[in-house]
Amino acid sequence: MRILIVGGGIGGFAAAAACLKHGLEPLVLEQAPKIGEVGAGVGLSPATFKALGYLGCDEQVLYGATTTAPLPSATATPSSRCTGPT
């Protein structure tokens, strides 16, 4: 079965990899003249790496990655939320 995927970003190529894994024929359409870096950083969660492992592309992502120390997480409380201009 042929599958049309519109957008050659992270999601589009992840969807194409999943299609290939299941024996489908993806066609990715992208308006940019070439696929490449745009200078933006992307943070990936542990769950994302699990999904990348399922798709078989976690090693490729790690090869080009810059790792950082884990950041502490915080939970917003009513007093810490932004309330807008005063």
N, C-alpha and C. Protein backbone atom coordinates (compact mmCIF):
# COMPACT_ATOMS: atom_id res chain seq x y z
N MET A 1 0.84 -1.17 0.00
CA MET A 1 0.00 0.00 0.00
C MET A 1 0.89 1.24 0.00
N ARG A 2 0.55 2.21 -0.81
CA ARG A 2 1.30 3.46 -0.87
C ARG A 2 0.68 4.46 0.09
N ILE A 3 1.54 5.20 0.80
CA ILE A 3 1.11 6.18 1.79
C ILE A 3 1.72 7.53 1.44
N LEU A 4 0.93 8.57 1.42
CA LEU A 4 1.40 9.93 1.15
C LEU A 4 1.61 10.65 2.48
N ILE A 5 2.80 11.19 2.68
CA ILE A 5 3.13 11.95 3.88
C ILE A 5 3.53 13.35 3.44
N VAL A 6 2.83 14.35 3.96
CA VAL A 6 3.10 15.74 3.60
C VAL A 6 3.94 16.36 4.70
N GLY A 7 5.18 16.72 4.36
CA GLY A 7 6.09 17.35 5.31
C GLY A 7 7.28 16.47 5.59
N GLY A 8 8.46 16.99 5.28
CA GLY A 8 9.70 16.24 5.47
C GLY A 8 10.44 16.62 6.72
N GLY A 9 9.72 16.94 7.78
CA GLY A 9 10.37 17.24 9.05
C GLY A 9 10.56 15.97 9.86
N ILE A 10 10.81 16.15 11.14
CA ILE A 10 11.03 15.01 12.02
C ILE A 10 9.83 14.07 12.02
N GLY A 11 8.65 14.63 12.14
CA GLY A 11 7.44 13.79 12.17
C GLY A 11 7.19 13.06 10.86
N GLY A 12 7.41 13.77 9.75
CA GLY A 12 7.19 13.15 8.45
C GLY A 12 8.13 11.98 8.19
N PHE A 13 9.40 12.18 8.52
CA PHE A 13 10.35 11.10 8.29
C PHE A 13 10.19 9.96 9.29
N ALA A 14 9.75 10.28 10.52
CA ALA A 14 9.45 9.22 11.48
C ALA A 14 8.26 8.39 11.00
N ALA A 15 7.25 9.08 10.46
CA ALA A 15 6.10 8.36 9.91
C ALA A 15 6.51 7.49 8.73
N ALA A 16 7.41 7.99 7.90
CA ALA A 16 7.88 7.20 6.75
C ALA A 16 8.65 5.97 7.23
N ALA A 17 9.48 6.12 8.26
CA ALA A 17 10.23 4.98 8.81
C ALA A 17 9.27 3.93 9.37
N ALA A 18 8.22 4.39 10.06
CA ALA A 18 7.22 3.45 10.60
C ALA A 18 6.50 2.72 9.47
N CYS A 19 6.18 3.45 8.41
CA CYS A 19 5.52 2.82 7.26
C CYS A 19 6.41 1.73 6.66
N LEU A 20 7.68 2.04 6.47
CA LEU A 20 8.61 1.05 5.91
C LEU A 20 8.71 -0.18 6.79
N LYS A 21 8.73 0.03 8.10
CA LYS A 21 8.83 -1.08 9.06
C LYS A 21 7.64 -2.02 8.92
N HIS A 22 6.49 -1.48 8.49
CA HIS A 22 5.29 -2.30 8.36
C HIS A 22 4.99 -2.68 6.91
N GLY A 23 5.99 -2.56 6.04
CA GLY A 23 5.84 -3.02 4.66
C GLY A 23 5.05 -2.09 3.76
N LEU A 24 4.86 -0.85 4.17
CA LEU A 24 4.13 0.11 3.35
C LEU A 24 5.11 0.92 2.51
N GLU A 25 4.61 1.62 1.50
CA GLU A 25 5.44 2.43 0.62
C GLU A 25 5.15 3.91 0.83
N PRO A 26 5.93 4.58 1.69
CA PRO A 26 5.66 6.00 1.92
C PRO A 26 6.26 6.89 0.82
N LEU A 27 5.57 7.97 0.54
CA LEU A 27 6.07 9.01 -0.34
C LEU A 27 6.00 10.30 0.47
N VAL A 28 7.17 10.89 0.76
CA VAL A 28 7.24 12.10 1.56
C VAL A 28 7.33 13.30 0.62
N LEU A 29 6.39 14.25 0.77
CA LEU A 29 6.41 15.48 -0.01
C LEU A 29 6.89 16.62 0.89
N GLU A 30 7.86 17.38 0.40
CA GLU A 30 8.41 18.50 1.15
C GLU A 30 8.60 19.67 0.20
N GLN A 31 8.19 20.87 0.64
CA GLN A 31 8.30 22.04 -0.24
C GLN A 31 9.71 22.62 -0.30
N ALA A 32 10.55 22.35 0.69
CA ALA A 32 11.91 22.89 0.69
C ALA A 32 12.71 22.27 -0.46
N PRO A 33 13.59 23.05 -1.08
CA PRO A 33 14.36 22.52 -2.20
C PRO A 33 15.34 21.43 -1.80
N LYS A 34 15.80 21.43 -0.55
CA LYS A 34 16.67 20.34 -0.09
C LYS A 34 16.44 20.11 1.39
N ILE A 35 16.73 18.91 1.83
CA ILE A 35 16.57 18.54 3.23
C ILE A 35 17.90 18.80 3.93
N GLY A 36 17.84 19.50 5.05
CA GLY A 36 19.07 19.79 5.79
C GLY A 36 18.76 20.45 7.12
N GLU A 37 19.81 20.82 7.81
CA GLU A 37 19.66 21.48 9.10
C GLU A 37 19.16 22.91 8.90
N VAL A 38 18.38 23.36 9.87
CA VAL A 38 17.88 24.74 9.82
C VAL A 38 18.42 25.57 10.97
N GLY A 39 19.30 25.02 11.76
CA GLY A 39 19.91 25.76 12.85
C GLY A 39 19.13 25.73 14.15
N ALA A 40 18.11 24.91 14.22
CA ALA A 40 17.30 24.81 15.43
C ALA A 40 17.70 23.59 16.24
N GLY A 41 17.59 23.71 17.53
CA GLY A 41 17.85 22.57 18.41
C GLY A 41 16.56 21.86 18.74
N VAL A 42 16.66 20.57 18.99
CA VAL A 42 15.49 19.77 19.34
C VAL A 42 15.84 18.96 20.57
N GLY A 43 15.02 19.07 21.60
CA GLY A 43 15.19 18.25 22.79
C GLY A 43 14.36 16.98 22.67
N LEU A 44 14.97 15.85 22.97
CA LEU A 44 14.27 14.57 22.84
C LEU A 44 14.15 13.90 24.20
N SER A 45 12.97 13.47 24.53
CA SER A 45 12.70 12.82 25.82
C SER A 45 13.08 11.34 25.76
N PRO A 46 13.17 10.69 26.92
CA PRO A 46 13.43 9.24 26.92
C PRO A 46 12.39 8.46 26.13
N ALA A 47 11.13 8.88 26.19
CA ALA A 47 10.08 8.20 25.42
C ALA A 47 10.33 8.33 23.92
N THR A 48 10.86 9.48 23.51
CA THR A 48 11.17 9.69 22.10
C THR A 48 12.27 8.73 21.66
N PHE A 49 13.30 8.56 22.50
CA PHE A 49 14.37 7.63 22.15
C PHE A 49 13.86 6.20 22.08
N LYS A 50 12.89 5.86 22.92
CA LYS A 50 12.30 4.52 22.84
C LYS A 50 11.61 4.34 21.49
N ALA A 51 10.88 5.36 21.05
CA ALA A 51 10.22 5.29 19.74
C ALA A 51 11.24 5.22 18.62
N LEU A 52 12.33 6.00 18.73
CA LEU A 52 13.38 5.96 17.71
C LEU A 52 14.01 4.57 17.65
N GLY A 53 14.18 3.95 18.82
CA GLY A 53 14.70 2.58 18.85
C GLY A 53 13.78 1.62 18.14
N TYR A 54 12.48 1.76 18.34
CA TYR A 54 11.51 0.92 17.65
C TYR A 54 11.63 1.08 16.14
N LEU A 55 11.85 2.32 15.69
CA LEU A 55 11.97 2.60 14.26
C LEU A 55 13.33 2.21 13.71
N GLY A 56 14.29 1.91 14.62
CA GLY A 56 15.61 1.49 14.17
C GLY A 56 16.54 2.63 13.81
N CYS A 57 16.26 3.84 14.30
CA CYS A 57 17.11 4.97 13.93
C CYS A 57 17.67 5.72 15.14
N ASP A 58 17.65 5.09 16.32
CA ASP A 58 18.19 5.75 17.50
C ASP A 58 19.70 5.95 17.42
N GLU A 59 20.41 4.98 16.87
CA GLU A 59 21.87 5.11 16.74
C GLU A 59 22.26 6.26 15.81
N GLN A 60 21.53 6.43 14.71
CA GLN A 60 21.82 7.51 13.78
C GLN A 60 21.58 8.87 14.43
N VAL A 61 20.54 8.98 15.24
CA VAL A 61 20.25 10.24 15.92
C VAL A 61 21.34 10.54 16.93
N LEU A 62 21.73 9.53 17.70
CA LEU A 62 22.79 9.74 18.70
C LEU A 62 24.12 10.10 18.05
N TYR A 63 24.38 9.58 16.86
CA TYR A 63 25.64 9.87 16.17
C TYR A 63 25.80 11.37 15.92
N GLY A 64 24.72 12.05 15.57
CA GLY A 64 24.81 13.47 15.27
C GLY A 64 24.37 14.37 16.42
N ALA A 65 24.17 13.78 17.59
CA ALA A 65 23.61 14.55 18.71
C ALA A 65 24.68 15.17 19.59
N THR A 66 24.28 16.23 20.25
CA THR A 66 25.05 16.82 21.34
C THR A 66 24.24 16.59 22.60
N THR A 67 24.82 15.93 23.56
CA THR A 67 24.07 15.64 24.78
C THR A 67 24.35 16.70 25.83
N THR A 68 23.39 16.88 26.70
CA THR A 68 23.51 17.84 27.79
C THR A 68 23.17 17.14 29.10
N ALA A 69 23.50 17.78 30.20
CA ALA A 69 23.12 17.24 31.50
C ALA A 69 21.60 17.35 31.65
N PRO A 70 21.00 16.40 32.36
CA PRO A 70 19.55 16.49 32.57
C PRO A 70 19.18 17.79 33.28
N LEU A 71 18.07 18.36 32.88
CA LEU A 71 17.57 19.58 33.50
C LEU A 71 16.56 19.21 34.59
N PRO A 72 16.58 19.93 35.69
CA PRO A 72 15.58 19.63 36.73
C PRO A 72 14.19 19.99 36.23
N SER A 73 13.22 19.23 36.64
CA SER A 73 11.85 19.55 36.25
C SER A 73 11.16 20.26 37.40
N ALA A 74 10.16 21.00 37.07
CA ALA A 74 9.43 21.74 38.08
C ALA A 74 7.94 21.63 37.78
N THR A 75 7.16 21.73 38.81
CA THR A 75 5.71 21.72 38.66
C THR A 75 5.19 23.13 38.95
N ALA A 76 4.39 23.62 38.04
CA ALA A 76 3.84 24.97 38.23
C ALA A 76 2.82 24.96 39.34
N THR A 77 2.88 25.96 40.14
CA THR A 77 1.88 26.16 41.19
C THR A 77 1.13 27.44 40.84
N PRO A 78 -0.05 27.66 41.42
CA PRO A 78 -0.79 28.88 41.09
C PRO A 78 0.03 30.15 41.28
N SER A 79 0.91 30.18 42.28
CA SER A 79 1.68 31.40 42.52
C SER A 79 2.85 31.55 41.56
N SER A 80 3.26 30.47 40.88
CA SER A 80 4.41 30.56 39.98
C SER A 80 4.01 30.71 38.52
N ARG A 81 2.74 30.62 38.21
CA ARG A 81 2.31 30.75 36.82
C ARG A 81 2.34 32.21 36.39
N CYS A 82 2.61 32.40 35.11
CA CYS A 82 2.60 33.75 34.55
C CYS A 82 1.15 34.24 34.50
N THR A 83 0.93 35.41 35.01
CA THR A 83 -0.43 35.95 35.00
C THR A 83 -0.61 37.04 33.96
N GLY A 84 0.43 37.33 33.19
CA GLY A 84 0.31 38.34 32.15
C GLY A 84 0.68 39.71 32.69
N PRO A 85 0.48 40.73 31.86
CA PRO A 85 0.86 42.10 32.27
C PRO A 85 0.09 42.56 33.49
N THR A 86 0.77 43.34 34.31
CA THR A 86 0.09 43.88 35.50
C THR A 86 -0.10 45.38 35.36
